[in-house]
Amino acid sequence: MSRTNLRHDAMSQPEKIAERGITDALNGMPAVRYDHVCKIYSGAEGDIHAVRDINLSIAHREFVMLIGNSGGGKTTLLKMTNGLIVPTSGDVYYYSENLRDMNLVQLRRRIGYAIQGSVLFPHLDVEQNISFVPRLSGFAKDQIEESVMHALGLVGLDSSLLRKFPHELSGGQQQRVGIARALAANPFVLLMDEPFGAVDEITRRSLQEQIARIYLEEGLTILFVTHDINEAMRLGTKLLVVNDGSLQQYASPEEVLETPANSYVQSLVSEYQGAPIPSLTKR
């Protein structure tokens, strides 16, 4: 389904470009840019620096795996990408637009967001869950139907599930519906926060293969938080390694493996158990 056919209440720069029929121009534009971004939380015991002066551009159509220790700043950085968390200082850009100048509610409707576990609305069936954002965004009825069927097909689910409720689905099916909901408004950028962490290993492998195929077919930019170095190596076109709120290295899996930037990255890649890298996202 073409992105140019979908209606948005307020189009951002990539939507405006696509509307003019020159989507290829996006390839020369960073999808996400962090301009000296910091996040500090103040507490009774002093300030906590969740993110420390991260300065980074992520190109359009990269599959970026954010990896590092728990509490290292990965999810905070991810949530700053769609404005769920506002930086203490610095700026975040969605393509050429500063988030501080954008309507963040509308932005979140244009950026896909999938997280760990079942976060489906329990009182809505599968069709209603998947179509939730397109309906909020004012898509026409035929566009909603088309977007639901397209998203359902992307995640490998049959239309016979459309009238089922979340409690009638397996864990893997629920996770797939959550991903379909994140894709239903046809976003340019998809954010994923440990989306496969709550499923068994067989289902996890299947979901990894599914998201890799979606990435290759749909031309998305994906930012994906994980604690699993093997998953990061398998899926990422780039690894964004963070620790204690600071950027440690941003490079291809091969470069991180062959030339780790410091001892922290070295310790991280020492846990990797694959050779050569069995990448799922090579074009």
Protein backbone atom coordinates (compact mmCIF):
# COMPACT_ATOMS: atom_id res chain seq x y z
CA MET A 1 0.00 0.00 0.00
CA SER A 2 1.39 3.36 -0.99
CA ARG A 3 2.14 5.88 1.73
CA THR A 4 0.99 8.61 -0.64
CA ASN A 5 -2.60 7.35 -0.38
CA LEU A 6 -2.92 7.82 3.37
CA ARG A 7 -4.39 10.94 4.95
CA HIS A 8 -2.71 12.67 7.92
CA ASP A 9 -4.20 15.59 9.83
CA ALA A 10 -0.88 17.41 9.67
CA MET A 11 1.76 16.03 7.37
CA SER A 12 5.40 16.10 8.45
CA GLN A 13 8.38 16.59 6.16
CA PRO A 14 8.58 12.95 4.96
CA GLU A 15 4.84 12.84 4.28
CA LYS A 16 5.08 16.09 2.33
CA ILE A 17 7.95 14.68 0.29
CA ALA A 18 6.06 11.44 -0.37
CA GLU A 19 2.95 13.39 -1.33
CA ARG A 20 4.98 15.08 -4.07
CA GLY A 21 5.97 11.65 -5.36
CA ILE A 22 9.68 11.93 -4.61
CA THR A 23 10.09 9.53 -1.69
CA ASP A 24 13.62 8.68 -2.87
CA ALA A 25 14.69 12.11 -1.60
CA LEU A 26 14.33 10.70 1.92
CA ASN A 27 17.38 8.55 1.35
CA GLY A 28 19.59 11.62 1.65
CA MET A 29 17.94 12.85 4.87
CA PRO A 30 18.53 11.59 8.44
CA ALA A 31 15.37 9.95 9.72
CA VAL A 32 16.26 10.79 13.33
CA ARG A 33 18.86 13.17 14.68
CA TYR A 34 19.90 13.69 18.29
CA ASP A 35 21.59 17.06 18.77
CA HIS A 36 23.55 16.99 22.05
CA VAL A 37 20.63 15.37 23.85
CA CYS A 38 20.67 15.02 27.63
CA LYS A 39 18.09 13.77 30.11
CA ILE A 40 18.51 14.42 33.82
CA TYR A 41 16.13 13.31 36.56
CA SER A 42 16.35 15.12 39.88
CA GLY A 43 15.74 13.15 43.05
CA ALA A 44 16.26 13.24 46.80
CA GLU A 45 19.66 11.62 46.39
CA GLY A 46 20.79 13.93 43.61
CA ASP A 47 20.61 14.09 39.84
CA ILE A 48 20.43 10.98 37.68
CA HIS A 49 21.90 11.38 34.20
CA ALA A 50 19.81 8.99 32.10
CA VAL A 51 21.20 10.27 28.78
CA ARG A 52 24.47 12.19 28.49
CA ASP A 53 25.13 14.47 25.51
CA ILE A 54 24.26 12.08 22.68
CA ASN A 55 24.96 13.57 19.28
CA LEU A 56 24.01 11.26 16.42
CA SER A 57 22.25 11.05 13.05
CA ILE A 58 20.38 7.92 11.97
CA ALA A 59 19.98 7.56 8.24
CA HIS A 60 16.69 6.78 6.53
CA ARG A 61 16.16 2.99 6.22
CA GLU A 62 18.64 1.90 8.88
CA PHE A 63 17.75 -0.93 11.25
CA VAL A 64 19.35 0.31 14.48
CA MET A 65 19.71 -2.01 17.46
CA LEU A 66 20.08 -0.12 20.75
CA ILE A 67 21.99 -2.36 23.13
CA GLY A 68 23.61 -2.04 26.55
CA ASN A 69 23.08 -2.81 30.23
CA SER A 70 19.75 -2.27 31.99
CA GLY A 71 19.41 1.33 33.09
CA GLY A 72 21.94 2.46 30.52
CA GLY A 73 19.64 4.90 28.70
CA LYS A 74 18.34 2.83 25.76
CA THR A 75 14.62 3.17 26.45
CA THR A 76 14.96 6.81 27.50
CA LEU A 77 16.63 7.59 24.17
CA LEU A 78 13.97 5.61 22.29
CA LYS A 79 11.14 7.47 24.02
CA MET A 80 12.74 10.82 23.25
CA THR A 81 12.45 9.89 19.56
CA ASN A 82 8.66 10.24 19.59
CA GLY A 83 8.40 12.80 22.38
CA LEU A 84 7.23 10.48 25.15
CA ILE A 85 10.21 11.83 27.08
CA VAL A 86 11.37 15.42 26.56
CA PRO A 87 15.13 16.09 26.73
CA THR A 88 16.45 18.23 29.57
CA SER A 89 18.70 19.85 26.98
CA GLY A 90 19.47 19.38 23.33
CA ASP A 91 17.07 18.66 20.48
CA VAL A 92 15.61 15.67 18.66
CA TYR A 93 14.71 15.89 14.97
CA TYR A 94 12.27 13.74 13.01
CA TYR A 95 13.69 14.14 9.51
CA SER A 96 14.23 17.92 9.31
CA GLU A 97 11.74 18.90 12.01
CA ASN A 98 12.58 19.72 15.61
CA LEU A 99 10.23 17.85 17.95
CA ARG A 100 9.94 20.99 20.07
CA ASP A 101 8.12 22.62 17.15
CA MET A 102 5.81 19.69 16.42
CA ASN A 103 2.44 18.51 17.68
CA LEU A 104 3.65 15.47 19.62
CA VAL A 105 0.28 13.71 19.64
CA GLN A 106 0.18 13.81 15.85
CA LEU A 107 3.85 12.80 15.69
CA ARG A 108 3.19 9.68 17.79
CA ARG A 109 0.41 8.68 15.43
CA ARG A 110 2.90 8.78 12.55
CA ILE A 111 5.69 6.86 14.28
CA GLY A 112 5.06 3.15 14.90
CA TYR A 113 5.62 1.98 18.48
CA ALA A 114 5.74 -1.64 19.68
CA ILE A 115 6.78 -2.80 23.13
CA GLN A 116 7.25 -6.01 25.08
CA GLY A 117 4.30 -8.15 26.14
CA SER A 118 0.60 -7.83 25.51
CA VAL A 119 -0.35 -4.16 25.26
CA LEU A 120 -3.47 -4.68 23.20
CA PHE A 121 -6.73 -3.08 24.28
CA PRO A 122 -8.54 -6.04 25.91
CA HIS A 123 -12.03 -4.73 25.09
CA LEU A 124 -11.25 -4.34 21.37
CA ASP A 125 -11.00 -7.15 18.83
CA VAL A 126 -8.01 -7.63 16.54
CA GLU A 127 -9.42 -5.43 13.76
CA GLN A 128 -10.22 -2.62 16.21
CA ASN A 129 -6.80 -2.84 17.82
CA ILE A 130 -4.97 -2.67 14.48
CA SER A 131 -7.15 0.13 13.12
CA PHE A 132 -6.94 2.24 16.28
CA VAL A 133 -4.35 4.77 15.04
CA PRO A 134 -5.71 5.07 11.46
CA ARG A 135 -9.15 5.85 12.92
CA LEU A 136 -7.69 8.48 15.26
CA SER A 137 -5.78 9.95 12.32
CA GLY A 138 -8.92 10.37 10.23
CA PHE A 139 -8.28 7.78 7.52
CA ALA A 140 -11.24 7.11 5.24
CA LYS A 141 -13.13 3.83 5.78
CA ASP A 142 -11.66 2.13 2.70
CA GLN A 143 -8.15 3.26 3.71
CA ILE A 144 -8.65 1.83 7.21
CA GLU A 145 -9.75 -1.51 5.79
CA GLU A 146 -6.81 -1.56 3.40
CA SER A 147 -4.30 -0.62 6.09
CA VAL A 148 -5.61 -3.31 8.46
CA MET A 149 -5.38 -6.06 5.85
CA HIS A 150 -1.95 -4.87 4.72
CA ALA A 151 -0.60 -4.82 8.30
CA LEU A 152 -2.17 -8.20 9.07
CA GLY A 153 -0.48 -9.71 6.03
CA LEU A 154 2.88 -8.20 6.97
CA VAL A 155 2.89 -10.01 10.31
CA GLY A 156 1.66 -13.29 8.83
CA LEU A 157 -1.77 -13.47 10.47
CA ASP A 158 -4.96 -14.72 8.83
CA SER A 159 -8.08 -12.56 8.47
CA SER A 160 -10.01 -15.19 10.45
CA LEU A 161 -8.49 -13.61 13.58
CA LEU A 162 -9.97 -10.16 12.99
CA ARG A 163 -12.99 -10.69 15.28
CA LYS A 164 -11.06 -12.39 18.07
CA PHE A 165 -10.19 -10.60 21.30
CA PRO A 166 -6.70 -10.51 22.84
CA HIS A 167 -7.47 -13.17 25.47
CA GLU A 168 -8.32 -15.59 22.64
CA LEU A 169 -4.85 -15.26 21.08
CA SER A 170 -1.54 -16.94 21.87
CA GLY A 171 1.36 -14.85 23.14
CA GLY A 172 2.99 -14.88 19.72
CA GLN A 173 -0.25 -13.85 18.02
CA GLN A 174 -0.72 -11.01 20.49
CA GLN A 175 2.80 -9.76 19.78
CA ARG A 176 2.16 -9.91 16.03
CA VAL A 177 -1.08 -7.94 16.42
CA GLY A 178 0.86 -5.35 18.43
CA ILE A 179 3.37 -5.02 15.60
CA ALA A 180 0.55 -4.84 13.05
CA ARG A 181 -1.02 -2.00 15.05
CA ALA A 182 2.32 -0.16 15.02
CA LEU A 183 2.47 -0.56 11.24
CA ALA A 184 -1.16 0.20 10.40
CA ALA A 185 -0.71 3.95 9.85
CA ASN A 186 2.12 3.15 7.41
CA PRO A 187 4.91 4.90 9.35
CA PHE A 188 8.35 5.82 8.03
CA VAL A 189 9.88 5.12 11.47
CA LEU A 190 9.15 2.19 13.78
CA LEU A 191 10.26 2.15 17.43
CA MET A 192 10.47 -1.22 19.21
CA ASP A 193 11.28 -1.66 22.91
CA GLU A 194 12.28 -5.29 23.56
CA PRO A 195 9.22 -6.45 21.60
CA PHE A 196 10.14 -10.14 21.65
CA GLY A 197 11.31 -10.40 25.25
CA ALA A 198 8.14 -12.07 26.57
CA VAL A 199 7.88 -14.96 24.11
CA ASP A 200 9.56 -18.36 23.90
CA GLU A 201 12.72 -18.86 21.85
CA ILE A 202 11.02 -20.52 18.87
CA THR A 203 8.45 -17.73 18.61
CA ARG A 204 11.21 -15.17 19.12
CA ARG A 205 13.17 -16.52 16.14
CA SER A 206 10.04 -16.49 13.99
CA LEU A 207 9.27 -12.88 14.98
CA GLN A 208 12.85 -11.84 14.23
CA GLU A 209 12.52 -13.27 10.73
CA GLN A 210 9.17 -11.53 10.32
CA ILE A 211 10.43 -8.08 11.33
CA ALA A 212 13.50 -8.47 9.11
CA ARG A 213 11.25 -9.24 6.13
CA ILE A 214 8.99 -6.27 6.97
CA TYR A 215 12.05 -4.01 7.16
CA LEU A 216 13.31 -5.11 3.77
CA GLU A 217 9.92 -4.97 2.05
CA GLU A 218 8.57 -1.75 3.54
CA GLY A 219 11.71 0.40 3.56
CA LEU A 220 11.29 1.41 7.19
CA THR A 221 13.71 3.02 9.60
CA ILE A 222 13.64 0.86 12.75
CA LEU A 223 15.03 1.60 16.21
CA PHE A 224 14.93 -1.57 18.31
CA VAL A 225 15.95 -1.90 21.99
CA THR A 226 17.42 -5.24 23.07
CA HIS A 227 19.62 -6.78 25.77
CA ASP A 228 20.55 -9.68 23.50
CA ILE A 229 23.79 -9.23 21.54
CA ASN A 230 22.91 -12.18 19.31
CA GLU A 231 19.59 -10.58 18.39
CA ALA A 232 21.35 -7.27 17.79
CA MET A 233 23.92 -8.86 15.47
CA ARG A 234 21.27 -10.84 13.65
CA LEU A 235 18.90 -7.94 12.93
CA GLY A 236 20.81 -4.67 12.91
CA THR A 237 22.34 -2.79 10.04
CA LYS A 238 23.80 -0.59 12.81
CA LEU A 239 24.42 -1.13 16.52
CA LEU A 240 23.97 1.78 18.90
CA VAL A 241 25.80 0.78 22.06
CA VAL A 242 24.99 2.82 25.17
CA ASN A 243 26.16 2.56 28.77
CA ASP A 244 25.59 4.83 31.74
CA GLY A 245 23.67 7.20 29.44
CA SER A 246 26.57 7.69 27.04
CA LEU A 247 27.07 6.60 23.45
CA GLN A 248 29.84 4.00 23.35
CA GLN A 249 29.81 3.10 19.65
CA TYR A 250 27.59 3.48 16.58
CA ALA A 251 28.67 1.24 13.73
CA SER A 252 27.76 -1.79 11.66
CA PRO A 253 27.66 -5.17 13.45
CA GLU A 254 30.80 -6.21 11.57
CA GLU A 255 32.71 -3.11 12.69
CA VAL A 256 31.56 -3.44 16.30
CA LEU A 257 32.63 -7.08 16.30
CA GLU A 258 35.97 -6.50 14.63
CA THR A 259 36.95 -3.15 16.18
CA PRO A 260 35.08 -2.52 19.44
CA ALA A 261 35.50 1.10 20.52
CA ASN A 262 36.39 0.40 24.15
CA SER A 263 36.49 -2.25 26.87
CA TYR A 264 32.76 -2.00 27.52
CA VAL A 265 31.90 -2.76 23.89
CA GLN A 266 34.53 -5.51 23.90
CA SER A 267 32.87 -7.17 26.89
CA LEU A 268 29.51 -6.92 25.17
CA VAL A 269 30.60 -8.52 21.91
CA SER A 270 32.46 -11.26 23.77
CA GLU A 271 29.01 -12.72 24.50
CA TYR A 272 28.24 -13.03 20.80
CA GLN A 273 27.90 -16.65 19.72
CA GLY A 274 27.68 -16.47 15.95
CA ALA A 275 30.31 -16.53 13.22
CA PRO A 276 29.89 -15.35 10.59
CA ILE A 277 27.10 -12.90 11.45
CA PRO A 278 23.82 -14.53 10.30
CA SER A 279 22.24 -11.24 9.31
CA LEU A 280 18.56 -11.18 8.38
CA THR A 281 18.56 -7.60 7.12
CA LYS A 282 21.20 -7.52 4.41
CA ARG A 283 19.77 -5.95 1.25
